[in-house]
C-alpha atoms as a PDB file:
ATOM      1  CA  UNK A   1     -10.650  22.645  -0.831  1.00  0.00           C
ATOM      2  CA  UNK A   2     -14.307  22.217  -1.750  1.00  0.00           C
ATOM      3  CA  UNK A   3     -15.457  18.773  -2.876  1.00  0.00           C
ATOM      4  CA  UNK A   4     -18.668  18.487  -5.077  1.00  0.00           C
ATOM      5  CA  UNK A   5     -19.942  15.454  -3.421  1.00  0.00           C
ATOM      6  CA  UNK A   6     -22.713  14.441  -0.875  1.00  0.00           C
ATOM      7  CA  UNK A   7     -23.729  11.175   0.527  1.00  0.00           C
ATOM      8  CA  UNK A   8     -25.711   8.958  -1.813  1.00  0.00           C
ATOM      9  CA  UNK A   9     -23.516  10.296  -4.923  1.00  0.00           C
ATOM     10  CA  UNK A  10     -22.688   7.635  -7.526  1.00  0.00           C
ATOM     11  CA  UNK A  11     -18.700   7.614  -8.206  1.00  0.00           C
ATOM     12  CA  UNK A  12     -15.912   6.067  -9.966  1.00  0.00           C
ATOM     13  CA  UNK A  13     -12.245   6.040  -9.276  1.00  0.00           C
ATOM     14  CA  UNK A  14     -10.454   6.523 -12.641  1.00  0.00           C
ATOM     15  CA  UNK A  15      -7.265   5.086 -11.645  1.00  0.00           C
ATOM     16  CA  UNK A  16      -8.759   1.746 -10.475  1.00  0.00           C
ATOM     17  CA  UNK A  17     -12.090   1.428 -12.853  1.00  0.00           C
ATOM     18  CA  UNK A  18     -12.197  -2.360 -11.918  1.00  0.00           C
ATOM     19  CA  UNK A  19     -13.441  -1.095  -8.197  1.00  0.00           C
ATOM     20  CA  UNK A  20     -16.771  -0.534 -10.239  1.00  0.00           C
ATOM     21  CA  UNK A  21     -19.235   2.137  -9.059  1.00  0.00           C
ATOM     22  CA  UNK A  22     -19.163   3.614  -5.539  1.00  0.00           C
ATOM     23  CA  UNK A  23     -21.505   5.339  -3.395  1.00  0.00           C
ATOM     24  CA  UNK A  24     -20.312   8.103  -1.066  1.00  0.00           C
ATOM     25  CA  UNK A  25     -21.163   7.261   2.658  1.00  0.00           C
ATOM     26  CA  UNK A  26     -19.461  10.454   4.309  1.00  0.00           C
ATOM     27  CA  UNK A  27     -17.306  13.288   3.603  1.00  0.00           C
ATOM     28  CA  UNK A  28     -14.498  14.754   6.448  1.00  0.00           C
ATOM     29  CA  UNK A  29     -12.593  17.397   5.538  1.00  0.00           C
ATOM     30  CA  UNK A  30     -10.736  15.888   2.415  1.00  0.00           C
ATOM     31  CA  UNK A  31     -11.337  12.580   3.226  1.00  0.00           C
ATOM     32  CA  UNK A  32     -14.331  10.669   1.547  1.00  0.00           C
ATOM     33  CA  UNK A  33     -15.459   7.207   2.404  1.00  0.00           C
ATOM     34  CA  UNK A  34     -17.197   5.432  -0.494  1.00  0.00           C
ATOM     35  CA  UNK A  35     -18.556   1.868  -0.683  1.00  0.00           C
ATOM     36  CA  UNK A  36     -17.615   0.250  -4.161  1.00  0.00           C
ATOM     37  CA  UNK A  37     -19.237  -2.580  -5.719  1.00  0.00           C
ATOM     38  CA  UNK A  38     -16.483  -4.610  -6.010  1.00  0.00           C
ATOM     39  CA  UNK A  39     -14.024  -3.996  -3.084  1.00  0.00           C
ATOM     40  CA  UNK A  40     -16.106  -2.495  -0.518  1.00  0.00           C
ATOM     41  CA  UNK A  41     -15.579   0.344   1.516  1.00  0.00           C
ATOM     42  CA  UNK A  42     -12.734   2.633   1.038  1.00  0.00           C
ATOM     43  CA  UNK A  43     -11.565   5.923   2.478  1.00  0.00           C
ATOM     44  CA  UNK A  44     -10.021   8.145  -0.087  1.00  0.00           C
ATOM     45  CA  UNK A  45      -7.888  11.163   0.217  1.00  0.00           C
ATOM     46  CA  UNK A  46      -9.065  13.652  -2.417  1.00  0.00           C
ATOM     47  CA  UNK A  47      -5.943  15.552  -2.092  1.00  0.00           C
ATOM     48  CA  UNK A  48      -4.126  12.221  -3.531  1.00  0.00           C
ATOM     49  CA  UNK A  49      -6.972  10.544  -5.736  1.00  0.00           C
ATOM     50  CA  UNK A  50      -9.482  12.455  -7.770  1.00  0.00           C
ATOM     51  CA  UNK A  51     -12.914  10.957  -7.579  1.00  0.00           C
ATOM     52  CA  UNK A  52     -15.608  11.425 -10.954  1.00  0.00           C
ATOM     53  CA  UNK A  53     -18.829  11.956  -9.808  1.00  0.00           C
ATOM     54  CA  UNK A  54     -21.544   9.906 -12.078  1.00  0.00           C
ATOM     55  CA  UNK A  55     -24.583  11.690 -13.067  1.00  0.00           C
ATOM     56  CA  UNK A  56     -27.967  10.278 -13.928  1.00  0.00           C
ATOM     57  CA  UNK A  57     -27.547  11.017 -17.747  1.00  0.00           C
ATOM     58  CA  UNK A  58     -24.280   8.995 -17.921  1.00  0.00           C
END
Protein backbone atom coordinates (compact mmCIF):
# COMPACT_ATOMS: atom_id res chain seq x y z
CA UNK A 1 0.00 0.00 0.00
CA UNK A 2 1.31 3.43 -0.94
CA UNK A 3 0.05 6.32 1.16
CA UNK A 4 -0.18 9.76 -0.39
CA UNK A 5 0.76 11.60 2.81
CA UNK A 6 3.85 13.43 4.01
CA UNK A 7 4.55 14.97 7.42
CA UNK A 8 2.91 18.38 7.54
CA UNK A 9 -0.04 17.44 5.32
CA UNK A 10 -3.49 18.47 6.56
CA UNK A 11 -6.11 15.70 6.75
CA UNK A 12 -9.54 14.89 8.12
CA UNK A 13 -11.01 11.61 9.29
CA UNK A 14 -14.32 11.39 7.40
CA UNK A 15 -15.69 8.97 10.04
CA UNK A 16 -14.96 11.46 12.86
CA UNK A 17 -15.22 14.96 11.38
CA UNK A 18 -15.66 16.38 14.90
CA UNK A 19 -11.95 15.60 15.50
CA UNK A 20 -11.26 18.63 13.30
CA UNK A 21 -8.38 19.15 10.93
CA UNK A 22 -5.29 17.11 11.65
CA UNK A 23 -1.66 17.51 10.70
CA UNK A 24 0.33 14.41 9.76
CA UNK A 25 3.26 13.96 12.15
CA UNK A 26 4.79 10.69 10.93
CA UNK A 27 4.15 7.69 8.70
CA UNK A 28 5.46 4.21 9.54
CA UNK A 29 4.23 1.51 7.16
CA UNK A 30 0.40 1.73 7.23
CA UNK A 31 0.28 3.71 10.51
CA UNK A 32 -0.09 7.49 10.28
CA UNK A 33 0.29 9.64 13.40
CA UNK A 34 -1.92 12.71 13.17
CA UNK A 35 -2.31 15.62 15.60
CA UNK A 36 -6.00 16.64 15.41
CA UNK A 37 -7.12 20.08 16.60
CA UNK A 38 -9.96 18.79 18.83
CA UNK A 39 -8.71 15.42 20.14
CA UNK A 40 -4.92 15.61 20.01
CA UNK A 41 -2.59 12.95 18.68
CA UNK A 42 -4.04 9.78 17.15
CA UNK A 43 -2.35 6.84 15.43
CA UNK A 44 -4.47 5.83 12.44
CA UNK A 45 -4.16 2.46 10.72
CA UNK A 46 -4.81 3.35 7.09
CA UNK A 47 -5.77 -0.24 6.31
CA UNK A 48 -8.89 0.33 8.46
CA UNK A 49 -9.54 4.09 8.24
CA UNK A 50 -9.12 6.16 5.09
CA UNK A 51 -8.00 9.70 5.81
CA UNK A 52 -8.82 12.49 3.37
CA UNK A 53 -6.09 14.92 2.44
CA UNK A 54 -6.98 18.61 2.49
CA UNK A 55 -5.46 20.59 -0.33
CA UNK A 56 -4.71 24.32 -0.12
CA UNK A 57 -7.53 25.24 -2.49
CA UNK A 58 -10.25 23.52 -0.40
